[in-house]
PDB file of all heavy atoms in Angstrom:
ATOM      1  N   GLU A   1      38.840  64.301  98.842  1.00  0.00           N
ATOM      2  CA  GLU A   1      39.886  64.969  98.010  1.00  0.00           C
ATOM      3  C   GLU A   1      40.640  65.889  98.777  1.00  0.00           C
ATOM      4  O   GLU A   1      41.799  66.014  98.749  1.00  0.00           O
ATOM      5  CB  GLU A   1      39.411  65.370  96.652  1.00  0.00           C
ATOM      6  CG  GLU A   1      38.789  64.425  95.759  1.00  0.00           C
ATOM      7  CD  GLU A   1      39.641  63.218  95.448  1.00  0.00           C
ATOM      8  OE1 GLU A   1      40.914  63.458  95.309  1.00  0.00           O
ATOM      9  OE2 GLU A   1      39.177  62.165  95.263  1.00  0.00           O
ATOM     10  N   THR A   2      40.009  66.824  99.513  1.00  0.00           N
ATOM     11  CA  THR A   2      40.560  67.791 100.234  1.00  0.00           C
ATOM     12  C   THR A   2      41.114  67.409 101.619  1.00  0.00           C
ATOM     13  O   THR A   2      42.078  67.887 102.244  1.00  0.00           O
ATOM     14  CB  THR A   2      39.785  68.970 100.526  1.00  0.00           C
ATOM     15  OG1 THR A   2      38.569  68.507 101.116  1.00  0.00           O
ATOM     16  CG2 THR A   2      39.289  69.741  99.172  1.00  0.00           C
ATOM     17  N   LEU A   3      40.446  66.284 102.157  1.00  0.00           N
ATOM     18  CA  LEU A   3      40.877  65.786 103.467  1.00  0.00           C
ATOM     19  C   LEU A   3      42.197  64.985 103.427  1.00  0.00           C
ATOM     20  O   LEU A   3      42.952  64.964 104.355  1.00  0.00           O
ATOM     21  CB  LEU A   3      39.689  64.938 104.052  1.00  0.00           C
ATOM     22  CG  LEU A   3      38.592  65.692 104.724  1.00  0.00           C
ATOM     23  CD1 LEU A   3      37.377  64.848 104.913  1.00  0.00           C
ATOM     24  CD2 LEU A   3      38.985  66.543 105.906  1.00  0.00           C
ATOM     25  N   HIS A   4      42.378  64.204 102.338  1.00  0.00           N
ATOM     26  CA  HIS A   4      43.487  63.380 102.191  1.00  0.00           C
ATOM     27  C   HIS A   4      44.847  64.209 102.386  1.00  0.00           C
ATOM     28  O   HIS A   4      45.129  65.184 101.734  1.00  0.00           O
ATOM     29  CB  HIS A   4      43.638  62.635 100.979  1.00  0.00           C
ATOM     30  CG  HIS A   4      44.754  61.720 100.872  1.00  0.00           C
ATOM     31  ND1 HIS A   4      44.681  60.374 101.485  1.00  0.00           N
ATOM     32  CD2 HIS A   4      45.902  61.616 100.326  1.00  0.00           C
ATOM     33  CE1 HIS A   4      45.848  59.775 101.297  1.00  0.00           C
ATOM     34  NE2 HIS A   4      46.551  60.511 100.624  1.00  0.00           N
ATOM     35  N   GLY A   5      45.634  63.869 103.518  1.00  0.00           N
ATOM     36  CA  GLY A   5      46.882  64.585 103.764  1.00  0.00           C
ATOM     37  C   GLY A   5      46.720  65.929 104.437  1.00  0.00           C
ATOM     38  O   GLY A   5      47.786  66.517 104.747  1.00  0.00           O
ATOM     39  N   ALA A   6      45.556  66.255 104.630  1.00  0.00           N
ATOM     40  CA  ALA A   6      45.410  67.591 105.371  1.00  0.00           C
ATOM     41  C   ALA A   6      45.138  67.472 106.837  1.00  0.00           C
ATOM     42  O   ALA A   6      45.171  66.294 107.302  1.00  0.00           O
ATOM     43  CB  ALA A   6      44.113  68.279 104.731  1.00  0.00           C
ATOM     44  N   VAL A   7      45.155  68.487 107.592  1.00  0.00           N
ATOM     45  CA  VAL A   7      44.733  68.532 109.025  1.00  0.00           C
ATOM     46  C   VAL A   7      43.319  68.802 109.067  1.00  0.00           C
ATOM     47  O   VAL A   7      42.722  69.854 108.803  1.00  0.00           O
ATOM     48  CB  VAL A   7      45.556  69.580 109.771  1.00  0.00           C
ATOM     49  CG1 VAL A   7      45.178  69.737 111.271  1.00  0.00           C
ATOM     50  CG2 VAL A   7      46.982  69.269 109.597  1.00  0.00           C
ATOM     51  N   ALA A   8      42.513  67.776 109.622  1.00  0.00           N
ATOM     52  CA  ALA A   8      41.040  67.819 109.616  1.00  0.00           C
ATOM     53  C   ALA A   8      40.695  68.393 110.925  1.00  0.00           C
ATOM     54  O   ALA A   8      41.176  68.102 112.047  1.00  0.00           O
ATOM     55  CB  ALA A   8      40.441  66.429 109.520  1.00  0.00           C
ATOM     56  N   LEU A   9      39.817  69.397 110.824  1.00  0.00           N
ATOM     57  CA  LEU A   9      39.335  70.140 112.066  1.00  0.00           C
ATOM     58  C   LEU A   9      37.912  69.827 112.182  1.00  0.00           C
ATOM     59  O   LEU A   9      37.006  70.034 111.357  1.00  0.00           O
ATOM     60  CB  LEU A   9      39.434  71.652 111.811  1.00  0.00           C
ATOM     61  CG  LEU A   9      38.885  72.606 112.893  1.00  0.00           C
ATOM     62  CD1 LEU A   9      39.610  72.358 114.391  1.00  0.00           C
ATOM     63  CD2 LEU A   9      38.989  74.044 112.505  1.00  0.00           C
ATOM     64  N   VAL A  10      37.574  69.245 113.402  1.00  0.00           N
ATOM     65  CA  VAL A  10      36.257  68.851 113.740  1.00  0.00           C
ATOM     66  C   VAL A  10      35.759  69.544 114.998  1.00  0.00           C
ATOM     67  O   VAL A  10      36.509  69.635 115.887  1.00  0.00           O
ATOM     68  CB  VAL A  10      36.164  67.248 114.018  1.00  0.00           C
ATOM     69  CG1 VAL A  10      34.747  66.823 114.344  1.00  0.00           C
ATOM     70  CG2 VAL A  10      36.712  66.535 112.742  1.00  0.00           C
ATOM     71  N   ASP A  11      34.411  69.972 114.989  1.00  0.00           N
ATOM     72  CA  ASP A  11      34.023  70.626 116.158  1.00  0.00           C
ATOM     73  C   ASP A  11      32.614  70.139 116.439  1.00  0.00           C
ATOM     74  O   ASP A  11      32.092  69.125 115.767  1.00  0.00           O
ATOM     75  CB  ASP A  11      34.068  72.134 116.124  1.00  0.00           C
ATOM     76  CG  ASP A  11      33.204  72.837 115.113  1.00  0.00           C
ATOM     77  OD1 ASP A  11      32.488  72.002 114.390  1.00  0.00           O
ATOM     78  OD2 ASP A  11      33.166  74.091 115.102  1.00  0.00           O
ATOM     79  N   GLU A  12      31.858  70.749 117.470  1.00  0.00           N
ATOM     80  CA  GLU A  12      30.519  70.271 117.716  1.00  0.00           C
ATOM     81  C   GLU A  12      29.511  70.306 116.604  1.00  0.00           C
ATOM     82  O   GLU A  12      28.729  69.315 116.348  1.00  0.00           O
ATOM     83  CB  GLU A  12      30.007  71.206 118.882  1.00  0.00           C
ATOM     84  CG  GLU A  12      30.636  71.012 120.120  1.00  0.00           C
ATOM     85  CD  GLU A  12      31.703  72.031 120.508  1.00  0.00           C
ATOM     86  OE1 GLU A  12      32.261  72.415 119.383  1.00  0.00           O
ATOM     87  OE2 GLU A  12      32.054  72.270 121.625  1.00  0.00           O
ATOM     88  N   ALA A  13      29.615  71.338 115.816  1.00  0.00           N
ATOM     89  CA  ALA A  13      28.796  71.501 114.621  1.00  0.00           C
ATOM     90  C   ALA A  13      28.933  70.439 113.645  1.00  0.00           C
ATOM     91  O   ALA A  13      28.020  70.023 112.939  1.00  0.00           O
ATOM     92  CB  ALA A  13      28.927  72.918 113.883  1.00  0.00           C
ATOM     93  N   SER A  14      30.144  69.814 113.531  1.00  0.00           N
ATOM     94  CA  SER A  14      30.330  68.737 112.626  1.00  0.00           C
ATOM     95  C   SER A  14      29.439  67.584 112.790  1.00  0.00           C
ATOM     96  O   SER A  14      29.324  66.915 111.885  1.00  0.00           O
ATOM     97  CB  SER A  14      31.889  68.324 112.656  1.00  0.00           C
ATOM     98  OG  SER A  14      32.834  69.370 112.645  1.00  0.00           O
ATOM     99  N   PHE A  15      28.976  67.451 114.048  1.00  0.00           N
ATOM    100  CA  PHE A  15      28.215  66.185 114.422  1.00  0.00           C
ATOM    101  C   PHE A  15      26.689  66.473 114.320  1.00  0.00           C
ATOM    102  O   PHE A  15      25.963  65.601 114.374  1.00  0.00           O
ATOM    103  CB  PHE A  15      28.613  65.652 115.760  1.00  0.00           C
ATOM    104  CG  PHE A  15      30.016  65.286 115.835  1.00  0.00           C
ATOM    105  CD1 PHE A  15      31.089  66.055 116.155  1.00  0.00           C
ATOM    106  CD2 PHE A  15      30.297  63.877 115.684  1.00  0.00           C
ATOM    107  CE1 PHE A  15      32.394  65.545 116.072  1.00  0.00           C
ATOM    108  CE2 PHE A  15      31.544  63.343 115.693  1.00  0.00           C
ATOM    109  CZ  PHE A  15      32.615  64.268 115.911  1.00  0.00           C
ATOM    110  N   GLY A  16      26.376  67.677 114.184  1.00  0.00           N
ATOM    111  CA  GLY A  16      24.931  67.877 114.201  1.00  0.00           C
ATOM    112  C   GLY A  16      24.259  67.880 115.708  1.00  0.00           C
ATOM    113  O   GLY A  16      24.949  67.505 116.590  1.00  0.00           O
ATOM    114  N   GLU A  17      23.036  68.310 115.690  1.00  0.00           N
ATOM    115  CA  GLU A  17      22.416  68.144 116.944  1.00  0.00           C
ATOM    116  C   GLU A  17      21.879  66.856 117.338  1.00  0.00           C
ATOM    117  O   GLU A  17      21.528  66.071 116.525  1.00  0.00           O
ATOM    118  CB  GLU A  17      21.120  69.069 116.870  1.00  0.00           C
ATOM    119  CG  GLU A  17      21.389  70.592 116.588  1.00  0.00           C
ATOM    120  CD  GLU A  17      20.130  71.457 116.675  1.00  0.00           C
ATOM    121  OE1 GLU A  17      19.097  71.020 117.089  1.00  0.00           O
ATOM    122  OE2 GLU A  17      20.167  72.669 116.393  1.00  0.00           O
ATOM    123  N   LYS A  18      22.050  66.610 118.695  1.00  0.00           N
ATOM    124  CA  LYS A  18      21.657  65.368 119.247  1.00  0.00           C
ATOM    125  C   LYS A  18      22.159  64.067 118.535  1.00  0.00           C
ATOM    126  O   LYS A  18      21.530  63.118 118.250  1.00  0.00           O
ATOM    127  CB  LYS A  18      20.158  65.357 119.265  1.00  0.00           C
ATOM    128  CG  LYS A  18      19.576  66.433 120.282  1.00  0.00           C
ATOM    129  CD  LYS A  18      18.009  66.261 120.391  1.00  0.00           C
ATOM    130  CE  LYS A  18      17.511  67.284 121.319  1.00  0.00           C
ATOM    131  NZ  LYS A  18      15.976  67.191 121.354  1.00  0.00           N
ATOM    132  N   ALA A  19      23.472  64.138 118.068  1.00  0.00           N
ATOM    133  CA  ALA A  19      24.078  63.085 117.490  1.00  0.00           C
ATOM    134  C   ALA A  19      24.144  61.769 118.402  1.00  0.00           C
ATOM    135  O   ALA A  19      24.347  61.970 119.631  1.00  0.00           O
ATOM    136  CB  ALA A  19      25.508  63.385 116.996  1.00  0.00           C
ATOM    137  N   LYS A  20      23.865  60.665 117.796  1.00  0.00           N
ATOM    138  CA  LYS A  20      24.023  59.448 118.573  1.00  0.00           C
ATOM    139  C   LYS A  20      25.432  58.861 118.762  1.00  0.00           C
ATOM    140  O   LYS A  20      26.238  59.235 117.972  1.00  0.00           O
ATOM    141  CB  LYS A  20      23.155  58.367 117.965  1.00  0.00           C
ATOM    142  CG  LYS A  20      21.671  58.585 117.966  1.00  0.00           C
ATOM    143  CD  LYS A  20      20.960  58.476 119.280  1.00  0.00           C
ATOM    144  CE  LYS A  20      19.567  58.642 119.195  1.00  0.00           C
ATOM    145  NZ  LYS A  20      18.844  58.366 120.536  1.00  0.00           N
ATOM    146  N   LEU A  21      25.690  58.146 119.832  1.00  0.00           N
ATOM    147  CA  LEU A  21      26.979  57.733 120.000  1.00  0.00           C
ATOM    148  C   LEU A  21      27.530  56.924 118.994  1.00  0.00           C
ATOM    149  O   LEU A  21      28.644  57.125 118.532  1.00  0.00           O
ATOM    150  CB  LEU A  21      26.925  56.710 121.289  1.00  0.00           C
ATOM    151  CG  LEU A  21      28.268  56.057 121.671  1.00  0.00           C
ATOM    152  CD1 LEU A  21      29.227  57.050 122.166  1.00  0.00           C
ATOM    153  CD2 LEU A  21      28.085  55.087 122.735  1.00  0.00           C
ATOM    154  N   ASN A  22      26.730  55.954 118.350  1.00  0.00           N
ATOM    155  CA  ASN A  22      27.163  55.198 117.143  1.00  0.00           C
ATOM    156  C   ASN A  22      27.615  56.172 115.949  1.00  0.00           C
ATOM    157  O   ASN A  22      28.525  55.856 115.285  1.00  0.00           O
ATOM    158  CB  ASN A  22      26.205  54.211 116.806  1.00  0.00           C
ATOM    159  CG  ASN A  22      24.855  54.723 116.487  1.00  0.00           C
ATOM    160  OD1 ASN A  22      24.166  55.402 117.345  1.00  0.00           O
ATOM    161  ND2 ASN A  22      24.299  54.611 115.281  1.00  0.00           N
ATOM    162  N   ALA A  23      26.793  57.165 115.731  1.00  0.00           N
ATOM    163  CA  ALA A  23      27.028  58.147 114.653  1.00  0.00           C
ATOM    164  C   ALA A  23      28.376  58.865 114.804  1.00  0.00           C
ATOM    165  O   ALA A  23      29.237  59.011 113.989  1.00  0.00           O
ATOM    166  CB  ALA A  23      25.959  59.087 114.444  1.00  0.00           C
ATOM    167  N   VAL A  24      28.589  59.240 116.070  1.00  0.00           N
ATOM    168  CA  VAL A  24      29.936  59.872 116.370  1.00  0.00           C
ATOM    169  C   VAL A  24      31.077  59.150 116.136  1.00  0.00           C
ATOM    170  O   VAL A  24      32.106  59.628 115.321  1.00  0.00           O
ATOM    171  CB  VAL A  24      29.828  60.346 117.967  1.00  0.00           C
ATOM    172  CG1 VAL A  24      31.239  60.834 118.251  1.00  0.00           C
ATOM    173  CG2 VAL A  24      28.837  61.426 118.282  1.00  0.00           C
ATOM    174  N   PHE A  25      31.076  57.831 116.587  1.00  0.00           N
ATOM    175  CA  PHE A  25      32.302  57.037 116.433  1.00  0.00           C
ATOM    176  C   PHE A  25      32.409  56.419 115.003  1.00  0.00           C
ATOM    177  O   PHE A  25      33.482  56.309 114.411  1.00  0.00           O
ATOM    178  CB  PHE A  25      32.295  55.990 117.503  1.00  0.00           C
ATOM    179  CG  PHE A  25      32.669  56.562 118.803  1.00  0.00           C
ATOM    180  CD1 PHE A  25      31.804  56.839 119.719  1.00  0.00           C
ATOM    181  CD2 PHE A  25      34.027  56.848 119.158  1.00  0.00           C
ATOM    182  CE1 PHE A  25      32.150  57.452 120.925  1.00  0.00           C
ATOM    183  CE2 PHE A  25      34.399  57.313 120.386  1.00  0.00           C
ATOM    184  CZ  PHE A  25      33.465  57.664 121.248  1.00  0.00           C
ATOM    185  N   THR A  26      31.294  56.344 114.456  1.00  0.00           N
ATOM    186  CA  THR A  26      31.311  55.857 112.962  1.00  0.00           C
ATOM    187  C   THR A  26      31.874  56.858 112.097  1.00  0.00           C
ATOM    188  O   THR A  26      32.673  56.612 111.150  1.00  0.00           O
ATOM    189  CB  THR A  26      29.898  55.333 112.487  1.00  0.00           C
ATOM    190  OG1 THR A  26      29.432  54.287 113.408  1.00  0.00           O
ATOM    191  CG2 THR A  26      29.909  54.962 111.000  1.00  0.00           C
ATOM    192  N   GLY A  27      31.366  58.029 112.387  1.00  0.00           N
ATOM    193  CA  GLY A  27      31.877  59.202 111.706  1.00  0.00           C
ATOM    194  C   GLY A  27      33.425  59.406 111.833  1.00  0.00           C
ATOM    195  O   GLY A  27      34.196  59.613 110.862  1.00  0.00           O
ATOM    196  N   LEU A  28      33.889  59.285 113.016  1.00  0.00           N
ATOM    197  CA  LEU A  28      35.398  59.366 113.253  1.00  0.00           C
ATOM    198  C   LEU A  28      36.166  58.336 112.593  1.00  0.00           C
ATOM    199  O   LEU A  28      37.221  58.577 112.084  1.00  0.00           O
ATOM    200  CB  LEU A  28      35.612  59.485 114.663  1.00  0.00           C
ATOM    201  CG  LEU A  28      35.188  60.684 115.531  1.00  0.00           C
ATOM    202  CD1 LEU A  28      35.396  60.504 117.091  1.00  0.00           C
ATOM    203  CD2 LEU A  28      35.961  61.792 115.124  1.00  0.00           C
ATOM    204  N   GLU A  29      35.622  57.073 112.604  1.00  0.00           N
ATOM    205  CA  GLU A  29      36.226  56.054 111.818  1.00  0.00           C
ATOM    206  C   GLU A  29      36.497  56.237 110.401  1.00  0.00           C
ATOM    207  O   GLU A  29      37.481  56.041 109.794  1.00  0.00           O
ATOM    208  CB  GLU A  29      35.598  54.613 112.229  1.00  0.00           C
ATOM    209  CG  GLU A  29      35.671  54.044 113.550  1.00  0.00           C
ATOM    210  CD  GLU A  29      34.780  52.868 113.873  1.00  0.00           C
ATOM    211  OE1 GLU A  29      34.170  52.430 112.777  1.00  0.00           O
ATOM    212  OE2 GLU A  29      34.848  52.288 114.969  1.00  0.00           O
ATOM    213  N   HIS A  30      35.333  56.859 109.901  1.00  0.00           N
ATOM    214  CA  HIS A  30      35.333  57.019 108.344  1.00  0.00           C
ATOM    215  C   HIS A  30      36.249  58.130 108.154  1.00  0.00           C
ATOM    216  O   HIS A  30      37.006  58.031 107.047  1.00  0.00           O
ATOM    217  CB  HIS A  30      33.874  57.346 107.890  1.00  0.00           C
ATOM    218  CG  HIS A  30      33.786  57.208 106.414  1.00  0.00           C
ATOM    219  ND1 HIS A  30      33.731  56.136 105.820  1.00  0.00           N
ATOM    220  CD2 HIS A  30      33.565  58.195 105.568  1.00  0.00           C
ATOM    221  CE1 HIS A  30      33.678  56.307 104.478  1.00  0.00           C
ATOM    222  NE2 HIS A  30      33.545  57.587 104.277  1.00  0.00           N
ATOM    223  N   LEU A  31      36.281  59.152 108.916  1.00  0.00           N
ATOM    224  CA  LEU A  31      37.196  60.301 108.762  1.00  0.00           C
ATOM    225  C   LEU A  31      38.623  59.752 108.609  1.00  0.00           C
ATOM    226  O   LEU A  31      39.472  60.168 107.763  1.00  0.00           O
ATOM    227  CB  LEU A  31      37.061  61.377 109.750  1.00  0.00           C
ATOM    228  CG  LEU A  31      38.068  62.529 109.786  1.00  0.00           C
ATOM    229  CD1 LEU A  31      38.044  63.203 108.598  1.00  0.00           C
ATOM    230  CD2 LEU A  31      37.835  63.441 110.945  1.00  0.00           C
ATOM    231  N   ARG A  32      38.971  58.902 109.559  1.00  0.00           N
ATOM    232  CA  ARG A  32      40.340  58.327 109.673  1.00  0.00           C
ATOM    233  C   ARG A  32      40.725  57.639 108.350  1.00  0.00           C
ATOM    234  O   ARG A  32      41.875  57.610 107.784  1.00  0.00           O
ATOM    235  CB  ARG A  32      40.598  57.348 110.832  1.00  0.00           C
ATOM    236  CG  ARG A  32      40.490  58.282 112.207  1.00  0.00           C
ATOM    237  CD  ARG A  32      40.802  57.253 113.340  1.00  0.00           C
ATOM    238  NE  ARG A  32      40.506  57.961 114.713  1.00  0.00           N
ATOM    239  CZ  ARG A  32      39.463  57.738 115.589  1.00  0.00           C
ATOM    240  NH1 ARG A  32      38.516  56.794 115.136  1.00  0.00           N
ATOM    241  NH2 ARG A  32      39.300  58.444 116.528  1.00  0.00           N
ATOM    242  N   SER A  33      39.655  56.935 107.895  1.00  0.00           N
ATOM    243  CA  SER A  33      39.962  56.008 106.604  1.00  0.00           C
ATOM    244  C   SER A  33      40.228  56.873 105.409  1.00  0.00           C
ATOM    245  O   SER A  33      40.739  56.388 104.450  1.00  0.00           O
ATOM    246  CB  SER A  33      38.682  55.185 106.332  1.00  0.00           C
ATOM    247  OG  SER A  33      37.626  55.929 105.775  1.00  0.00           O
ATOM    248  N   LEU A  34      39.945  58.171 105.426  1.00  0.00           N
ATOM    249  CA  LEU A  34      40.193  59.092 104.307  1.00  0.00           C
ATOM    250  C   LEU A  34      41.669  59.620 104.236  1.00  0.00           C
ATOM    251  O   LEU A  34      42.077  60.339 103.378  1.00  0.00           O
ATOM    252  CB  LEU A  34      39.181  60.183 104.282  1.00  0.00           C
ATOM    253  CG  LEU A  34      37.757  59.795 104.122  1.00  0.00           C
ATOM    254  CD1 LEU A  34      36.810  60.967 104.225  1.00  0.00           C
ATOM    255  CD2 LEU A  34      37.471  58.859 102.998  1.00  0.00           C
ATOM    256  N   GLY A  35      42.423  59.217 105.330  1.00  0.00           N
ATOM    257  CA  GLY A  35      43.838  59.603 105.314  1.00  0.00           C
ATOM    258  C   GLY A  35      44.282  61.058 105.621  1.00  0.00           C
ATOM    259  O   GLY A  35      45.103  61.590 104.957  1.00  0.00           O
ATOM    260  N   PRO A  36      43.604  61.718 106.505  1.00  0.00           N
ATOM    261  CA  PRO A  36      44.231  62.991 106.849  1.00  0.00           C
ATOM    262  C   PRO A  36      45.609  62.887 107.591  1.00  0.00           C
ATOM    263  O   PRO A  36      45.851  61.768 108.172  1.00  0.00           O
ATOM    264  CB  PRO A  36      43.043  63.659 107.808  1.00  0.00           C
ATOM    265  CG  PRO A  36      42.382  62.420 108.315  1.00  0.00           C
ATOM    266  CD  PRO A  36      42.340  61.374 107.378  1.00  0.00           C
ATOM    267  N   ALA A  37      46.287  63.894 107.593  1.00  0.00           N
ATOM    268  CA  ALA A  37      47.599  63.743 108.208  1.00  0.00           C
ATOM    269  C   ALA A  37      47.321  63.818 109.759  1.00  0.00           C
ATOM    270  O   ALA A  37      48.282  63.234 110.525  1.00  0.00           O
ATOM    271  CB  ALA A  37      48.513  64.891 107.919  1.00  0.00           C
ATOM    272  N   ALA A  38      46.261  64.445 110.215  1.00  0.00           N
ATOM    273  CA  ALA A  38      46.066  64.598 111.724  1.00  0.00           C
ATOM    274  C   ALA A  38      44.527  64.887 111.889  1.00  0.00           C
ATOM    275  O   ALA A  38      43.905  65.623 110.887  1.00  0.00           O
ATOM    276  CB  ALA A  38      46.967  65.563 112.318  1.00  0.00           C
ATOM    277  N   ILE A  39      44.037  64.933 113.124  1.00  0.00           N
ATOM    278  CA  ILE A  39      42.740  65.373 113.340  1.00  0.00           C
ATOM    279  C   ILE A  39      42.914  66.370 114.534  1.00  0.00           C
ATOM    280  O   ILE A  39      43.576  66.025 115.541  1.00  0.00           O
ATOM    281  CB  ILE A  39      41.833  64.263 113.718  1.00  0.00           C
ATOM    282  CG1 ILE A  39      41.685  63.305 112.449  1.00  0.00           C
ATOM    283  CG2 ILE A  39      40.380  64.857 114.144  1.00  0.00           C
ATOM    284  CD1 ILE A  39      40.912  62.055 112.894  1.00  0.00           C
TER     285      ILE A  39
END
């Protein structure tokens, strides 16, 4: 609800420790699907 139309700020901590490649890109894909104005 807060991400839609907002400017999403993502940093290293957003991914957690030792994140896997698939988790990183799956997460980014899902973030985009929620409709932020920008990342």
